[in-house]
């Protein structure tokens, strides 16, 4: 894991912890809080799925193989 990815993961963790603490300390009814938590978790899940699919497409094996072959031809 690179230094940048560790930093990004740490920032994401800190943000998640801050949001969770803020929601738990917010003066809202439990029912409303659960709805908000469910909606937020669903939204984040959808975003993470989208990012994962985007990254998977970007770094697919065939794409990397094509890039490697192109670099090989350039160096030859």
PDB file of N, CA and C in Angstrom:
ATOM      1  N   UNK A   1       0.853  -1.171   0.000  1.00  0.00           N
ATOM      2  CA  UNK A   1       0.000   0.000   0.000  1.00  0.00           C
ATOM      3  C   UNK A   1       0.899   1.234   0.000  1.00  0.00           C
ATOM      4  N   UNK A   2       0.630   2.166  -0.899  1.00  0.00           N
ATOM      5  CA  UNK A   2       1.476   3.342  -1.010  1.00  0.00           C
ATOM      6  C   UNK A   2       1.158   4.350   0.092  1.00  0.00           C
ATOM      7  N   UNK A   3       2.047   5.299   0.228  1.00  0.00           N
ATOM      8  CA  UNK A   3       1.878   6.325   1.253  1.00  0.00           C
ATOM      9  C   UNK A   3       0.601   7.139   1.007  1.00  0.00           C
ATOM     10  N   UNK A   4       0.323   7.445  -0.258  1.00  0.00           N
ATOM     11  CA  UNK A   4      -0.876   8.225  -0.588  1.00  0.00           C
ATOM     12  C   UNK A   4      -2.154   7.458  -0.293  1.00  0.00           C
ATOM     13  N   UNK A   5      -2.159   6.158  -0.586  1.00  0.00           N
ATOM     14  CA  UNK A   5      -3.363   5.376  -0.323  1.00  0.00           C
ATOM     15  C   UNK A   5      -3.582   5.214   1.178  1.00  0.00           C
ATOM     16  N   UNK A   6      -2.515   5.099   1.949  1.00  0.00           N
ATOM     17  CA  UNK A   6      -2.645   5.039   3.406  1.00  0.00           C
ATOM     18  C   UNK A   6      -3.205   6.353   3.942  1.00  0.00           C
ATOM     19  N   UNK A   7      -2.734   7.463   3.400  1.00  0.00           N
ATOM     20  CA  UNK A   7      -3.223   8.775   3.821  1.00  0.00           C
ATOM     21  C   UNK A   7      -4.705   8.926   3.489  1.00  0.00           C
ATOM     22  N   UNK A   8      -5.086   8.540   2.281  1.00  0.00           N
ATOM     23  CA  UNK A   8      -6.490   8.638   1.865  1.00  0.00           C
ATOM     24  C   UNK A   8      -7.372   7.758   2.741  1.00  0.00           C
ATOM     25  N   UNK A   9      -6.908   6.547   3.051  1.00  0.00           N
ATOM     26  CA  UNK A   9      -7.668   5.646   3.900  1.00  0.00           C
ATOM     27  C   UNK A   9      -7.801   6.213   5.317  1.00  0.00           C
ATOM     28  N   UNK A  10      -6.755   6.817   5.824  1.00  0.00           N
ATOM     29  CA  UNK A  10      -6.796   7.440   7.145  1.00  0.00           C
ATOM     30  C   UNK A  10      -7.761   8.603   7.194  1.00  0.00           C
ATOM     31  N   UNK A  11      -7.743   9.429   6.150  1.00  0.00           N
ATOM     32  CA  UNK A  11      -8.665  10.565   6.088  1.00  0.00           C
ATOM     33  C   UNK A  11     -10.106  10.065   6.003  1.00  0.00           C
ATOM     34  N   UNK A  12     -10.350   9.054   5.197  1.00  0.00           N
ATOM     35  CA  UNK A  12     -11.691   8.485   5.068  1.00  0.00           C
ATOM     36  C   UNK A  12     -12.167   7.928   6.407  1.00  0.00           C
ATOM     37  N   UNK A  13     -11.290   7.252   7.107  1.00  0.00           N
ATOM     38  CA  UNK A  13     -11.631   6.716   8.430  1.00  0.00           C
ATOM     39  C   UNK A  13     -11.960   7.813   9.425  1.00  0.00           C
ATOM     40  N   UNK A  14     -11.177   8.885   9.411  1.00  0.00           N
ATOM     41  CA  UNK A  14     -11.421  10.006  10.316  1.00  0.00           C
ATOM     42  C   UNK A  14     -12.754  10.690  10.002  1.00  0.00           C
ATOM     43  N   UNK A  15     -13.048  10.851   8.733  1.00  0.00           N
ATOM     44  CA  UNK A  15     -14.312  11.460   8.335  1.00  0.00           C
ATOM     45  C   UNK A  15     -15.480  10.587   8.788  1.00  0.00           C
ATOM     46  N   UNK A  16     -15.347   9.275   8.564  1.00  0.00           N
ATOM     47  CA  UNK A  16     -16.402   8.342   8.958  1.00  0.00           C
ATOM     48  C   UNK A  16     -16.631   8.383  10.464  1.00  0.00           C
ATOM     49  N   UNK A  17     -15.555   8.388  11.219  1.00  0.00           N
ATOM     50  CA  UNK A  17     -15.681   8.449  12.678  1.00  0.00           C
ATOM     51  C   UNK A  17     -16.321   9.763  13.113  1.00  0.00           C
ATOM     52  N   UNK A  18     -15.937  10.858  12.501  1.00  0.00           N
ATOM     53  CA  UNK A  18     -16.516  12.154  12.835  1.00  0.00           C
ATOM     54  C   UNK A  18     -18.001  12.219  12.538  1.00  0.00           C
ATOM     55  N   UNK A  19     -18.386  11.686  11.395  1.00  0.00           N
ATOM     56  CA  UNK A  19     -19.809  11.669  11.028  1.00  0.00           C
ATOM     57  C   UNK A  19     -20.595  10.801  12.004  1.00  0.00           C
ATOM     58  N   UNK A  20     -20.057   9.637  12.327  1.00  0.00           N
ATOM     59  CA  UNK A  20     -20.744   8.730  13.253  1.00  0.00           C
ATOM     60  C   UNK A  20     -20.921   9.370  14.629  1.00  0.00           C
ATOM     61  N   UNK A  21     -19.885   9.989  15.139  1.00  0.00           N
ATOM     62  CA  UNK A  21     -19.970  10.651  16.446  1.00  0.00           C
ATOM     63  C   UNK A  21     -20.959  11.805  16.395  1.00  0.00           C
ATOM     64  N   UNK A  22     -20.900  12.586  15.327  1.00  0.00           N
ATOM     65  CA  UNK A  22     -21.834  13.699  15.181  1.00  0.00           C
ATOM     66  C   UNK A  22     -23.283  13.248  15.127  1.00  0.00           C
ATOM     67  N   UNK A  23     -23.523  12.155  14.432  1.00  0.00           N
ATOM     68  CA  UNK A  23     -24.896  11.643  14.336  1.00  0.00           C
ATOM     69  C   UNK A  23     -25.375  11.093  15.672  1.00  0.00           C
ATOM     70  N   UNK A  24     -24.486  10.447  16.403  1.00  0.00           N
ATOM     71  CA  UNK A  24     -24.876   9.886  17.693  1.00  0.00           C
ATOM     72  C   UNK A  24     -25.145  10.976  18.736  1.00  0.00           C
ATOM     73  N   UNK A  25     -24.480  12.089  18.612  1.00  0.00           N
ATOM     74  CA  UNK A  25     -24.663  13.177  19.570  1.00  0.00           C
ATOM     75  C   UNK A  25     -25.730  14.183  19.137  1.00  0.00           C
ATOM     76  N   UNK A  26     -26.260  14.038  17.944  1.00  0.00           N
ATOM     77  CA  UNK A  26     -27.262  14.971  17.431  1.00  0.00           C
ATOM     78  C   UNK A  26     -28.582  14.800  18.194  1.00  0.00           C
ATOM     79  N   UNK A  27     -29.249  15.909  18.471  1.00  0.00           N
ATOM     80  CA  UNK A  27     -30.511  15.849  19.228  1.00  0.00           C
ATOM     81  C   UNK A  27     -31.712  15.524  18.319  1.00  0.00           C
ATOM     82  N   UNK A  28     -31.743  14.312  17.794  1.00  0.00           N
ATOM     83  CA  UNK A  28     -32.852  13.888  16.947  1.00  0.00           C
ATOM     84  C   UNK A  28     -33.494  12.645  17.547  1.00  0.00           C
ATOM     85  N   UNK A  29     -34.712  12.371  17.138  1.00  0.00           N
ATOM     86  CA  UNK A  29     -35.389  11.161  17.584  1.00  0.00           C
ATOM     87  C   UNK A  29     -34.666   9.952  16.997  1.00  0.00           C
ATOM     88  N   UNK A  30     -34.726   8.845  17.699  1.00  0.00           N
ATOM     89  CA  UNK A  30     -34.071   7.630  17.247  1.00  0.00           C
ATOM     90  C   UNK A  30     -34.565   7.165  15.891  1.00  0.00           C
ATOM     91  N   UNK A  31     -35.870   7.264  15.673  1.00  0.00           N
ATOM     92  CA  UNK A  31     -36.457   6.827  14.412  1.00  0.00           C
ATOM     93  C   UNK A  31     -35.908   7.657  13.251  1.00  0.00           C
ATOM     94  N   UNK A  32     -35.848   8.969  13.438  1.00  0.00           N
ATOM     95  CA  UNK A  32     -35.322   9.856  12.397  1.00  0.00           C
ATOM     96  C   UNK A  32     -33.838   9.601  12.156  1.00  0.00           C
ATOM     97  N   UNK A  33     -33.102   9.357  13.242  1.00  0.00           N
ATOM     98  CA  UNK A  33     -31.670   9.095  13.131  1.00  0.00           C
ATOM     99  C   UNK A  33     -31.417   7.803  12.364  1.00  0.00           C
ATOM    100  N   UNK A  34     -32.195   6.770  12.637  1.00  0.00           N
ATOM    101  CA  UNK A  34     -32.013   5.502  11.926  1.00  0.00           C
ATOM    102  C   UNK A  34     -32.290   5.660  10.438  1.00  0.00           C
ATOM    103  N   UNK A  35     -33.318   6.431  10.097  1.00  0.00           N
ATOM    104  CA  UNK A  35     -33.622   6.685   8.686  1.00  0.00           C
ATOM    105  C   UNK A  35     -32.457   7.397   8.011  1.00  0.00           C
ATOM    106  N   UNK A  36     -31.929   8.407   8.696  1.00  0.00           N
ATOM    107  CA  UNK A  36     -30.818   9.174   8.141  1.00  0.00           C
ATOM    108  C   UNK A  36     -29.578   8.294   7.988  1.00  0.00           C
ATOM    109  N   UNK A  37     -29.291   7.471   8.995  1.00  0.00           N
ATOM    110  CA  UNK A  37     -28.138   6.578   8.926  1.00  0.00           C
ATOM    111  C   UNK A  37     -28.289   5.578   7.772  1.00  0.00           C
ATOM    112  N   UNK A  38     -29.488   5.024   7.621  1.00  0.00           N
ATOM    113  CA  UNK A  38     -29.727   4.065   6.550  1.00  0.00           C
ATOM    114  C   UNK A  38     -29.539   4.717   5.181  1.00  0.00           C
ATOM    115  N   UNK A  39     -30.060   5.924   5.035  1.00  0.00           N
ATOM    116  CA  UNK A  39     -29.945   6.645   3.763  1.00  0.00           C
ATOM    117  C   UNK A  39     -28.484   6.971   3.458  1.00  0.00           C
ATOM    118  N   UNK A  40     -27.767   7.448   4.465  1.00  0.00           N
ATOM    119  CA  UNK A  40     -26.357   7.804   4.284  1.00  0.00           C
ATOM    120  C   UNK A  40     -25.517   6.565   3.970  1.00  0.00           C
ATOM    121  N   UNK A  41     -25.749   5.470   4.685  1.00  0.00           N
ATOM    122  CA  UNK A  41     -24.997   4.238   4.444  1.00  0.00           C
ATOM    123  C   UNK A  41     -25.265   3.717   3.037  1.00  0.00           C
ATOM    124  N   UNK A  42     -26.505   3.798   2.606  1.00  0.00           N
ATOM    125  CA  UNK A  42     -26.853   3.351   1.256  1.00  0.00           C
ATOM    126  C   UNK A  42     -26.149   4.210   0.205  1.00  0.00           C
ATOM    127  N   UNK A  43     -26.140   5.513   0.430  1.00  0.00           N
ATOM    128  CA  UNK A  43     -25.486   6.430  -0.504  1.00  0.00           C
ATOM    129  C   UNK A  43     -23.988   6.138  -0.586  1.00  0.00           C
ATOM    130  N   UNK A  44     -23.353   5.962   0.562  1.00  0.00           N
ATOM    131  CA  UNK A  44     -21.920   5.676   0.583  1.00  0.00           C
ATOM    132  C   UNK A  44     -21.631   4.337  -0.071  1.00  0.00           C
ATOM    133  N   UNK A  45     -22.470   3.360   0.178  1.00  0.00           N
ATOM    134  CA  UNK A  45     -22.292   2.045  -0.432  1.00  0.00           C
ATOM    135  C   UNK A  45     -22.353   2.140  -1.952  1.00  0.00           C
ATOM    136  N   UNK A  46     -23.331   2.890  -2.452  1.00  0.00           N
ATOM    137  CA  UNK A  46     -23.447   3.072  -3.902  1.00  0.00           C
ATOM    138  C   UNK A  46     -22.223   3.771  -4.476  1.00  0.00           C
ATOM    139  N   UNK A  47     -21.727   4.791  -3.771  1.00  0.00           N
ATOM    140  CA  UNK A  47     -20.549   5.521  -4.238  1.00  0.00           C
ATOM    141  C   UNK A  47     -19.306   4.631  -4.240  1.00  0.00           C
ATOM    142  N   UNK A  48     -19.133   3.826  -3.182  1.00  0.00           N
ATOM    143  CA  UNK A  48     -17.978   2.940  -3.109  1.00  0.00           C
ATOM    144  C   UNK A  48     -18.054   1.871  -4.199  1.00  0.00           C
ATOM    145  N   UNK A  49     -19.247   1.352  -4.453  1.00  0.00           N
ATOM    146  CA  UNK A  49     -19.414   0.366  -5.521  1.00  0.00           C
ATOM    147  C   UNK A  49     -19.042   0.974  -6.862  1.00  0.00           C
ATOM    148  N   UNK A  50     -19.496   2.202  -7.100  1.00  0.00           N
ATOM    149  CA  UNK A  50     -19.174   2.900  -8.353  1.00  0.00           C
ATOM    150  C   UNK A  50     -17.666   3.100  -8.483  1.00  0.00           C
ATOM    151  N   UNK A  51     -17.019   3.560  -7.413  1.00  0.00           N
ATOM    152  CA  UNK A  51     -15.572   3.772  -7.456  1.00  0.00           C
ATOM    153  C   UNK A  51     -14.824   2.456  -7.687  1.00  0.00           C
ATOM    154  N   UNK A  52     -15.279   1.387  -7.041  1.00  0.00           N
ATOM    155  CA  UNK A  52     -14.634   0.085  -7.215  1.00  0.00           C
ATOM    156  C   UNK A  52     -14.752  -0.376  -8.667  1.00  0.00           C
ATOM    157  N   UNK A  53     -15.942  -0.263  -9.235  1.00  0.00           N
ATOM    158  CA  UNK A  53     -16.145  -0.679 -10.621  1.00  0.00           C
ATOM    159  C   UNK A  53     -15.307   0.170 -11.571  1.00  0.00           C
ATOM    160  N   UNK A  54     -15.239   1.465 -11.297  1.00  0.00           N
ATOM    161  CA  UNK A  54     -14.450   2.369 -12.127  1.00  0.00           C
ATOM    162  C   UNK A  54     -12.965   1.978 -12.076  1.00  0.00           C
ATOM    163  N   UNK A  55     -12.471   1.692 -10.872  1.00  0.00           N
ATOM    164  CA  UNK A  55     -11.079   1.286 -10.715  1.00  0.00           C
ATOM    165  C   UNK A  55     -10.809  -0.062 -11.351  1.00  0.00           C
ATOM    166  N   UNK A  56     -11.745  -0.974 -11.214  1.00  0.00           N
ATOM    167  CA  UNK A  56     -11.593  -2.302 -11.803  1.00  0.00           C
ATOM    168  C   UNK A  56     -11.526  -2.203 -13.322  1.00  0.00           C
ATOM    169  N   UNK A  57     -12.372  -1.358 -13.901  1.00  0.00           N
ATOM    170  CA  UNK A  57     -12.351  -1.173 -15.352  1.00  0.00           C
ATOM    171  C   UNK A  57     -11.042  -0.531 -15.802  1.00  0.00           C
ATOM    172  N   UNK A  58     -10.570   0.425 -15.016  1.00  0.00           N
ATOM    173  CA  UNK A  58      -9.361   1.152 -15.391  1.00  0.00           C
ATOM    174  C   UNK A  58      -8.131   0.246 -15.354  1.00  0.00           C
ATOM    175  N   UNK A  59      -8.109  -0.668 -14.426  1.00  0.00           N
ATOM    176  CA  UNK A  59      -6.933  -1.515 -14.253  1.00  0.00           C
ATOM    177  C   UNK A  59      -7.213  -2.977 -14.587  1.00  0.00           C
ATOM    178  N   UNK A  60      -8.040  -3.182 -15.574  1.00  0.00           N
ATOM    179  CA  UNK A  60      -8.330  -4.559 -15.990  1.00  0.00           C
ATOM    180  C   UNK A  60      -7.057  -5.192 -16.552  1.00  0.00           C
ATOM    181  N   UNK A  61      -7.003  -6.504 -16.492  1.00  0.00           N
ATOM    182  CA  UNK A  61      -5.804  -7.222 -16.944  1.00  0.00           C
ATOM    183  C   UNK A  61      -5.501  -6.954 -18.408  1.00  0.00           C
ATOM    184  N   UNK A  62      -6.530  -6.970 -19.235  1.00  0.00           N
ATOM    185  CA  UNK A  62      -6.284  -6.778 -20.666  1.00  0.00           C
ATOM    186  C   UNK A  62      -5.770  -5.368 -20.934  1.00  0.00           C
ATOM    187  N   UNK A  63      -6.276  -4.391 -20.201  1.00  0.00           N
ATOM    188  CA  UNK A  63      -5.826  -3.012 -20.376  1.00  0.00           C
ATOM    189  C   UNK A  63      -4.360  -2.884 -19.970  1.00  0.00           C
ATOM    190  N   UNK A  64      -4.008  -3.477 -18.838  1.00  0.00           N
ATOM    191  CA  UNK A  64      -2.619  -3.425 -18.392  1.00  0.00           C
ATOM    192  C   UNK A  64      -1.701  -4.167 -19.364  1.00  0.00           C
ATOM    193  N   UNK A  65      -2.188  -5.282 -19.886  1.00  0.00           N
ATOM    194  CA  UNK A  65      -1.390  -6.043 -20.847  1.00  0.00           C
ATOM    195  C   UNK A  65      -1.148  -5.214 -22.110  1.00  0.00           C
ATOM    196  N   UNK A  66      -2.190  -4.527 -22.587  1.00  0.00           N
ATOM    197  CA  UNK A  66      -2.042  -3.683 -23.780  1.00  0.00           C
ATOM    198  C   UNK A  66      -1.057  -2.551 -23.531  1.00  0.00           C
ATOM    199  N   UNK A  67      -1.124  -1.945 -22.352  1.00  0.00           N
ATOM    200  CA  UNK A  67      -0.199  -0.863 -22.029  1.00  0.00           C
ATOM    201  C   UNK A  67       1.239  -1.376 -21.965  1.00  0.00           C
ATOM    202  N   UNK A  68       1.419  -2.567 -21.386  1.00  0.00           N
ATOM    203  CA  UNK A  68       2.752  -3.153 -21.287  1.00  0.00           C
ATOM    204  C   UNK A  68       3.313  -3.461 -22.680  1.00  0.00           C
ATOM    205  N   UNK A  69       2.466  -3.997 -23.548  1.00  0.00           N
ATOM    206  CA  UNK A  69       2.914  -4.304 -24.901  1.00  0.00           C
ATOM    207  C   UNK A  69       3.263  -3.026 -25.677  1.00  0.00           C
ATOM    208  N   UNK A  70       2.477  -1.978 -25.474  1.00  0.00           N
ATOM    209  CA  UNK A  70       2.766  -0.709 -26.133  1.00  0.00           C
ATOM    210  C   UNK A  70       4.094  -0.136 -25.638  1.00  0.00           C
ATOM    211  N   UNK A  71       4.346  -0.240 -24.339  1.00  0.00           N
ATOM    212  CA  UNK A  71       5.613   0.253 -23.798  1.00  0.00           C
ATOM    213  C   UNK A  71       6.775  -0.578 -24.331  1.00  0.00           C
ATOM    214  N   UNK A  72       6.558  -1.874 -24.462  1.00  0.00           N
ATOM    215  CA  UNK A  72       7.590  -2.775 -24.970  1.00  0.00           C
ATOM    216  C   UNK A  72       7.954  -2.399 -26.391  1.00  0.00           C
ATOM    217  N   UNK A  73       6.943  -2.113 -27.208  1.00  0.00           N
ATOM    218  CA  UNK A  73       7.177  -1.719 -28.597  1.00  0.00           C
ATOM    219  C   UNK A  73       7.898  -0.373 -28.673  1.00  0.00           C
ATOM    220  N   UNK A  74       7.563   0.526 -27.759  1.00  0.00           N
ATOM    221  CA  UNK A  74       8.203   1.844 -27.733  1.00  0.00           C
ATOM    222  C   UNK A  74       9.693   1.715 -27.397  1.00  0.00           C
ATOM    223  N   UNK A  75      10.003   0.811 -26.477  1.00  0.00           N
ATOM    224  CA  UNK A  75      11.386   0.630 -26.045  1.00  0.00           C
ATOM    225  C   UNK A  75      12.214  -0.159 -27.058  1.00  0.00           C
ATOM    226  N   UNK A  76      11.578  -0.906 -27.911  1.00  0.00           N
ATOM    227  CA  UNK A  76      12.310  -1.733 -28.890  1.00  0.00           C
ATOM    228  C   UNK A  76      12.809  -0.929 -30.051  1.00  0.00           C
TER     229      UNK A  76
END
